[in-house]
Amino acid sequence: MPDRRFTILSTASLPFERITNIPVSVDVQVIPFIEIMPRPVDELKPRIAEFASAKQNVVFTSAHAVHIVTGMLKQKPDWTIYCIRNETRIAVVNRFDSDLTTRFASNALFLSKLMITDGVKEAVFFCGDQRLNVLPENLVNHGIDLTELIVYDTLLKPVKLNDVPDVLLFFSPSAVKSFFSANEISPATTVLAMGTTTAATLREYSSHPIIISTEADKAFVFKMALDHAASHPIT
C-alpha cells in the first residue's frame, strides 16, 4: 500500500454539490488564491433597481455576479439574459425565474458573437473588476451600446505552499497571478487550466506543460483531474 494519497489542489472553491464518487485514494485540497469582495450595497442597489425597471439585455460571465445581482433584486426583471456555461448558466437557472429568456455560449467570445447575431443593440454587463476584455471589446466594436456595472472586486490572496501536489487546478488568470506571487510549479506536478485565457496567463509565468479544459466548468475540470489520478496511481 502507498504511504500517501494522490493529491489534487484546487486554487479556487469547487462545486462539491456536483462532484461525487471521489476515491479514498485521492486527497482533495482547496486553497482559494483569490477573494471575491462585493461592492457596497448602497452603491449597487440603486443601479440594479434602475436596470430592473426596464426591459434589458443583460450579460453575465461570472456566477459571482449572478449571486450578487439576484441578491439585490426587489422585483422580477424583464430581462433577456446572456451568459456563459456551465458555472454561470447553472447560477442563472437557479437564481432567476425560468420564464426569462436565457441565451448561452461556451465562452465569452462565442457569447459576444451570439449577441451580435441576435441583433442586440444595447446591453448591461454585470461583471467584476478583473473581467476579461474579449466580450466588451467585441460588442463595442460591432456598435453595441454596452453599459458595464462592476459588482465585485477580485482580491489576490497568495498562500505559500509547503507540499507539492500531484495535480494543480487553475480557473482564472487572477488565481494564476496570486499563485505565482508566492510559489513556483514543481516539475512533478500536473497542471490543469479551465479555458485558454487562464492557460495563456499560466504561460506568462511558467513553461510547464498545461492540460486545458474544453469546458468552462469547475466540475468538468475536477473530473479531468480524477481521470488523471486514476491513470497515474501512487505506488
Protein backbone atom coordinates (compact mmCIF):
# COMPACT_ATOMS: atom_id res chain seq x y z
CA MET A 1 0.00 0.00 0.00
CA PRO A 2 1.29 3.54 -0.82
CA ASP A 3 2.21 5.67 2.18
CA ARG A 4 0.36 8.71 0.84
CA ARG A 5 -2.68 9.59 -1.24
CA PHE A 6 -2.79 11.26 -4.66
CA THR A 7 -3.17 15.00 -4.02
CA ILE A 8 -5.34 17.35 -6.07
CA LEU A 9 -5.01 21.01 -5.09
CA SER A 10 -7.59 23.49 -6.33
CA THR A 11 -6.73 27.20 -6.29
CA ALA A 12 -10.43 28.10 -6.03
CA SER A 13 -13.58 26.71 -4.45
CA LEU A 14 -15.11 23.59 -6.00
CA PRO A 15 -18.82 22.77 -6.56
CA PHE A 16 -18.82 19.70 -4.33
CA GLU A 17 -22.61 19.51 -4.66
CA ARG A 18 -21.98 18.38 -8.25
CA ILE A 19 -18.96 16.22 -7.52
CA THR A 20 -19.45 12.63 -6.41
CA ASN A 21 -17.50 9.40 -6.05
CA ILE A 22 -14.14 10.84 -5.03
CA PRO A 23 -11.89 7.80 -4.43
CA VAL A 24 -10.46 7.36 -0.94
CA SER A 25 -7.04 7.21 -2.61
CA VAL A 26 -7.39 10.89 -3.59
CA ASP A 27 -6.79 13.78 -1.21
CA VAL A 28 -8.63 16.92 -2.37
CA GLN A 29 -7.32 20.22 -1.03
CA VAL A 30 -8.91 23.60 -1.67
CA ILE A 31 -6.84 26.73 -1.09
CA PRO A 32 -8.51 29.82 -2.60
CA PHE A 33 -5.90 32.18 -4.01
CA ILE A 34 -8.44 34.95 -4.64
CA GLU A 35 -11.26 36.51 -2.65
CA ILE A 36 -14.45 37.93 -4.13
CA MET A 37 -15.46 41.20 -2.47
CA PRO A 38 -18.91 42.55 -3.43
CA ARG A 39 -19.14 46.29 -3.99
CA PRO A 40 -21.07 48.24 -1.30
CA VAL A 41 -24.81 47.59 -1.26
CA ASP A 42 -25.71 51.29 -1.24
CA GLU A 43 -23.60 51.68 -4.39
CA LEU A 44 -25.14 48.75 -6.26
CA LYS A 45 -28.79 48.64 -5.21
CA PRO A 46 -29.95 51.85 -6.94
CA ARG A 47 -28.20 50.92 -10.21
CA ILE A 48 -29.54 47.35 -10.20
CA ALA A 49 -33.05 48.64 -9.41
CA GLU A 50 -32.74 51.06 -12.32
CA PHE A 51 -31.79 48.29 -14.73
CA ALA A 52 -34.54 46.03 -13.37
CA SER A 53 -37.21 48.65 -14.02
CA ALA A 54 -36.99 48.36 -17.80
CA LYS A 55 -36.63 45.69 -20.45
CA GLN A 56 -32.94 44.89 -20.84
CA ASN A 57 -30.43 42.59 -22.42
CA VAL A 58 -28.05 41.65 -19.60
CA VAL A 59 -24.78 39.74 -19.64
CA PHE A 60 -23.18 37.50 -17.02
CA THR A 61 -19.82 35.76 -17.39
CA SER A 62 -19.44 35.02 -13.69
CA ALA A 63 -21.56 33.11 -11.20
CA HIS A 64 -20.37 35.56 -8.53
CA ALA A 65 -22.06 38.40 -10.42
CA VAL A 66 -25.27 36.39 -10.71
CA HIS A 67 -25.42 35.79 -6.96
CA ILE A 68 -24.71 39.42 -6.11
CA VAL A 69 -27.23 40.88 -8.56
CA THR A 70 -30.06 38.50 -7.71
CA GLY A 71 -29.45 39.14 -4.02
CA MET A 72 -30.32 42.81 -4.59
CA LEU A 73 -33.29 42.47 -6.93
CA LYS A 74 -36.57 43.66 -5.44
CA GLN A 75 -38.72 42.89 -8.46
CA LYS A 76 -38.88 40.38 -11.27
CA PRO A 77 -36.93 41.94 -14.16
CA ASP A 78 -37.91 41.82 -17.80
CA TRP A 79 -34.50 40.69 -18.98
CA THR A 80 -33.07 38.63 -21.77
CA ILE A 81 -30.06 37.03 -20.13
CA TYR A 82 -26.87 36.17 -21.99
CA CYS A 83 -24.38 34.04 -20.08
CA ILE A 84 -21.58 31.54 -20.48
CA ARG A 85 -21.81 27.96 -19.38
CA ASN A 86 -21.53 25.96 -17.20
CA GLU A 87 -20.99 27.53 -13.78
CA THR A 88 -22.60 30.84 -14.72
CA ARG A 89 -25.50 29.22 -16.54
CA ILE A 90 -26.25 27.00 -13.53
CA ALA A 91 -26.32 30.07 -11.30
CA VAL A 92 -28.66 31.86 -13.73
CA VAL A 93 -31.03 28.88 -13.91
CA ASN A 94 -31.07 28.54 -10.12
CA ARG A 95 -31.45 32.23 -9.27
CA PHE A 96 -33.77 33.59 -11.97
CA ASP A 97 -37.35 32.72 -12.93
CA SER A 98 -37.50 30.01 -15.57
CA ASP A 99 -39.70 32.09 -17.89
CA LEU A 100 -36.92 34.62 -18.54
CA THR A 101 -35.27 34.23 -21.92
CA THR A 102 -31.76 32.87 -21.46
CA ARG A 103 -29.14 32.57 -24.18
CA PHE A 104 -25.78 30.96 -23.52
CA ALA A 105 -22.48 30.07 -25.19
CA SER A 106 -19.36 28.15 -24.24
CA ASN A 107 -17.12 31.20 -23.72
CA ALA A 108 -17.08 35.00 -23.78
CA LEU A 109 -16.06 35.27 -27.45
CA PHE A 110 -18.84 32.99 -28.66
CA LEU A 111 -21.31 34.75 -26.36
CA SER A 112 -20.46 38.12 -27.92
CA LYS A 113 -20.87 36.61 -31.40
CA LEU A 114 -24.28 35.24 -30.37
CA MET A 115 -25.39 38.68 -29.20
CA ILE A 116 -24.21 40.24 -32.45
CA THR A 117 -26.08 37.59 -34.47
CA ASP A 118 -29.21 38.20 -32.36
CA GLY A 119 -29.09 41.86 -33.35
CA VAL A 120 -28.65 43.18 -29.82
CA LYS A 121 -28.31 46.98 -29.87
CA GLU A 122 -27.61 47.64 -26.21
CA ALA A 123 -26.88 45.59 -23.10
CA VAL A 124 -25.86 45.74 -19.46
CA PHE A 125 -22.80 43.75 -18.40
CA PHE A 126 -22.69 42.79 -14.70
CA CYS A 127 -19.06 41.94 -14.03
CA GLY A 128 -16.05 42.00 -11.72
CA ASP A 129 -13.19 44.48 -11.77
CA GLN A 130 -10.90 41.87 -13.38
CA ARG A 131 -13.26 40.98 -16.20
CA LEU A 132 -11.66 39.97 -19.48
CA ASN A 133 -11.68 42.32 -22.47
CA VAL A 134 -12.85 39.86 -25.14
CA LEU A 135 -16.61 40.28 -24.78
CA PRO A 136 -16.89 44.05 -24.19
CA GLU A 137 -14.38 44.90 -26.92
CA ASN A 138 -16.12 42.71 -29.48
CA LEU A 139 -19.54 44.13 -28.64
CA VAL A 140 -18.40 47.74 -28.74
CA ASN A 141 -16.50 47.15 -31.99
CA HIS A 142 -19.78 45.97 -33.52
CA GLY A 143 -21.67 49.07 -32.44
CA ILE A 144 -23.45 47.63 -29.40
CA ASP A 145 -24.05 50.15 -26.63
CA LEU A 146 -22.65 48.34 -23.58
CA THR A 147 -23.08 49.56 -20.01
CA GLU A 148 -20.78 47.88 -17.51
CA LEU A 149 -21.60 47.67 -13.82
CA ILE A 150 -18.80 46.29 -11.65
CA VAL A 151 -20.48 44.39 -8.83
CA TYR A 152 -17.43 42.86 -7.16
CA ASP A 153 -13.67 43.19 -6.80
CA THR A 154 -11.22 40.29 -7.06
CA LEU A 155 -8.56 40.37 -4.35
CA LEU A 156 -5.37 38.33 -4.61
CA LYS A 157 -4.75 36.09 -1.60
CA PRO A 158 -1.34 34.43 -2.07
CA VAL A 159 -0.52 31.36 0.01
CA LYS A 160 2.93 29.78 0.24
CA LEU A 161 2.63 26.04 -0.34
CA ASN A 162 4.67 23.71 1.84
CA ASP A 163 3.88 20.48 -0.02
CA VAL A 164 3.97 19.59 -3.71
CA PRO A 165 0.57 18.47 -5.09
CA ASP A 166 0.25 15.84 -7.80
CA VAL A 167 -2.29 17.95 -9.69
CA LEU A 168 -2.85 21.69 -9.55
CA LEU A 169 -6.10 23.27 -10.78
CA PHE A 170 -6.43 26.84 -12.04
CA PHE A 171 -9.71 28.51 -13.00
CA SER A 172 -8.86 32.17 -13.57
CA PRO A 173 -5.98 34.46 -14.56
CA SER A 174 -6.28 36.21 -11.17
CA ALA A 175 -5.63 32.98 -9.29
CA VAL A 176 -2.63 32.32 -11.52
CA LYS A 177 -1.15 35.72 -10.69
CA SER A 178 -1.81 35.20 -6.99
CA PHE A 179 -0.24 31.71 -7.00
CA PHE A 180 2.97 32.77 -8.72
CA SER A 181 3.45 35.73 -6.40
CA ALA A 182 4.35 33.18 -3.70
CA ASN A 183 5.09 29.88 -5.45
CA GLU A 184 6.60 28.08 -8.40
CA ILE A 185 5.23 24.96 -10.08
CA SER A 186 7.12 21.77 -9.31
CA PRO A 187 8.20 19.66 -12.31
CA ALA A 188 6.41 16.75 -10.61
CA THR A 189 3.03 18.50 -10.69
CA THR A 190 0.45 18.16 -13.46
CA VAL A 191 -1.30 21.45 -14.22
CA LEU A 192 -4.90 21.76 -15.40
CA ALA A 193 -6.40 25.05 -16.54
CA MET A 194 -10.01 25.99 -17.23
CA GLY A 195 -10.00 27.66 -20.63
CA THR A 196 -7.44 29.16 -22.96
CA THR A 197 -7.26 32.54 -21.20
CA THR A 198 -6.22 31.00 -17.89
CA ALA A 199 -3.75 28.80 -19.77
CA ALA A 200 -2.29 31.83 -21.57
CA THR A 201 -1.73 33.57 -18.23
CA LEU A 202 -0.01 30.45 -16.90
CA ARG A 203 2.37 30.55 -19.87
CA GLU A 204 3.38 34.09 -18.89
CA TYR A 205 4.78 32.70 -15.64
CA SER A 206 5.92 29.17 -16.50
CA SER A 207 6.89 26.89 -19.37
CA HIS A 208 5.33 23.95 -17.52
CA PRO A 209 3.03 21.76 -19.71
CA ILE A 210 -0.67 22.59 -19.27
CA ILE A 211 -3.75 20.45 -19.81
CA ILE A 212 -6.56 22.76 -20.92
CA SER A 213 -10.22 22.03 -20.24
CA THR A 214 -12.62 22.38 -23.16
CA GLU A 215 -15.45 23.28 -20.78
CA ALA A 216 -15.74 26.39 -18.57
CA ASP A 217 -16.91 24.23 -15.70
CA LYS A 218 -15.11 23.53 -12.43
CA ALA A 219 -16.76 20.13 -12.05
CA PHE A 220 -15.58 19.16 -15.54
CA VAL A 221 -12.01 20.22 -14.74
CA PHE A 222 -12.10 18.30 -11.49
CA LYS A 223 -13.31 15.18 -13.32
CA MET A 224 -10.28 15.56 -15.61
CA ALA A 225 -8.09 15.60 -12.50
CA LEU A 226 -9.74 12.44 -11.16
CA ASP A 227 -9.22 10.72 -14.51
CA HIS A 228 -5.55 11.69 -14.33
CA ALA A 229 -5.30 10.36 -10.79
CA ALA A 230 -6.81 7.05 -11.91
CA SER A 231 -4.26 6.67 -14.69
CA HIS A 232 -1.32 7.75 -12.51
CA PRO A 233 -1.79 5.91 -9.20
CA ILE A 234 0.61 6.36 -6.30
CA THR A 235 2.66 3.18 -5.95
